[in-house]
Amino acid sequence: MKNMGATVLDSQSSKVEFRVFAYEKKGVALLLKNGKAREQVIPLQEEAPHIYSVIIEGKGLDLYYKFRITDEGDFPDPWSRFQPEGVHGFSQVINPQSYRWQAENWKGKDLDALIIYEIHPGTFTPQGTFRAILEKIGYLQELGITALELMPVAQTPGKWNWGYDGANLFSVNKNYGTPDDLKELIDTCHQKEIAVILDVVYNHFGPEGNYLSVYGPYFTAKHQTAWGAAVNYDDHCSKFTRTMVVENARYWLEEFRFDGLRLDAIHAIRDESKIHILKEIVATAKAIANKHQRKIALIAETDENNVEIINPPEKGGFGLDAQWMDDFHHVIHTALTAEKQGYYQDYNGLEDLEKVYQNYLYTGEYSHFWKKNRGTDAFHNPGNQFIVSIQNHDQVGNRAGGERLSALVDFSFLKAASGLMFFSPYIPLLFMGEEYAEKNPFLFFTNYEDPRLKEAVSSGRRDEFMDFDWGAFPDPEDDRTFYRSRLTPRSNWREENEAIFNFYKDLIHLRKTHPALCHLEKKQTKVQVDQKKKIVTLIRWHQGYQLTAVFNLGNNKVELTPPRGVQILNSEWKKYGGQVEGETKTLYKGNLLVIEEKPPA
């Protein structure tokens, strides 16, 4: 299929082609405006059934446009690259060749090397822009992360949103900056050896500003989802939806040079086609990686513990590279907080730790929360196929008060929790702010322009988490909800913030450099749990190198005989906000002690 939307054919002569899919329409025209010039209406020709196009020349590239559908109205381009007036306004022509890339030799990162830092672009800095993120790349380098993950950047309604209500798949969110601003952020990260991953949403499209149904059957009543009618991947005229989604993945990976995509809630994608849409996306990503000799990762979010998603096609799988592993988060969270509400009722904390370092926790067992058997066996899948976290936007933001772990457990246990993650044979993901024990919440916030949606999202939020005894939810539509979710500037950090930041820095450095940790091998990982004393011993080894991490997850001091070797890290050292110096045999509450044993010289 030819390029859809507005395509710059020649920037010098300002030759632009417009093309749109408009199913069974009487006619389509281009409503065009250039700066303050009056609007022009230019008819489009039907070049093929339901496909309309026109080429214009000599009108400049500073063009704003809509498509006028006969007897129906004027609407933004569904393939718009930029919506400077928001989801309801005019689309803008964007010349993708305007940005000059600097990191031309960038080839990406191996999965094993990823230490991912997830951010919401609007709350990560006071300005909430791509350019402001640029100013903090030095901070990210200091921390030691190797990959930045952006929550969705497609255009959403209003001033702010988490990003999962994107109404224009191809349009960079104007609240964060321009397409070239985003390219500069990615380019600069690559120059600093940081990969960039984008969160994309193909299981539903946002409710406001979503004009897809005007243009054609992009949705189907064949399936139902939590958001209503499903995206049409397998019903009449589904090829147009499939093409849009596959080309959107190509757009981010090829034109913006993202190093990977995190596919949101793939369990909510309904597709009974012979070739599932996910397999088409995988094939497209692999073709781009081969063409440009770059490493590209496709990461799935799914709550089904379905190993088929990450198994290769020759084993009957979909071939995605990795997936988020909720079980790991839930086991550690319940071990530290003892929460048993909602989906946490299926987890028992300490007693589940041994299994979750080798496999999903649920590998086919009955889930009381889901009221069905859940999961498959992932024992033989390598560790680099799983992304684990102790905090992420979902697990923090989907609480009533948006409480971070720092608001739920004592300071010392934050360090133990991070150790449990970084010592795992999986890919670690940090959520912005956890590295210095941010206390500000991360709340669910929206800014719809439609009054009915404003009310619906406020009431719906209360209903969604009825199984949790979390009290009243802050209103997502209240501006204060957004402002409360912004990070604390470093200039306002307290002593304990600097202390835990130092701990994260050293722990990440150890993770990146020590052979026992940077090789993600589950079969060279051993976990022992003393449930009575609440002591966890975690051993990782590789080619004679061995690290032993001992965690005290209880509230009492414990005297122990440490394994032979050198103590190289202790979360109770004074530089990490603790109370000791040097080697110790005492494990304080929340204490993490790391002992190194090297092979004989």
Foldseek 3Di string as FASTA:
>chain_A
DDDAAWAQPDQVFRKIKHKAQFAPAPFKWKFKDAPPDHTDTGGWDPPDHRMTMDIDTNPHQFMWIWMQTPPPGTAEGLQAQADLPALGGTGGGDHLPPADFDLLVQFEDDLLQAAEEEEEQQFADVLSALVVVLVCVVVVVLLPGAEYEYEAQATDADLDASHQQHQRLNYGHPNHHHPNSLLVSQRVSSVVNHAYEYEHEDFDHHDPSNCVVSRHPQFDPVDAAPVGTTGDCADPPNVVNLVSVLVSLVCCCPSSVHQEYEYEACVSHDYPDPQDSLLSNVVSNVVRCVVSVHHHAYEYEYPQQDCLQCDPVVVVHSNGQAYEQVQQLLQCVCLQQVDCFAQNVQYDHQVQLQVVLQFRSQQQPARPNVRHRGHHTCNPPFQSRYEYENDACCVQALAQQSFDVLVRGPLLLLLLRVVSQQQGLHHYYHYPPSQQSWGQGAYGADAHPDPVVLVVVQVVSCVVRPRDPRPHHDRNNDPVNSVSNHTDDPVPGDLLSQLSNVSSSVSSVCQNPPPQRSNSGSVQWGWDADPVQRKIWIWTDDPQKIKIKIFRQDQAKDFDDDDDAAWDDKCQDVSNVHDDDGDDRIAHHSIIIMGIDGHDD
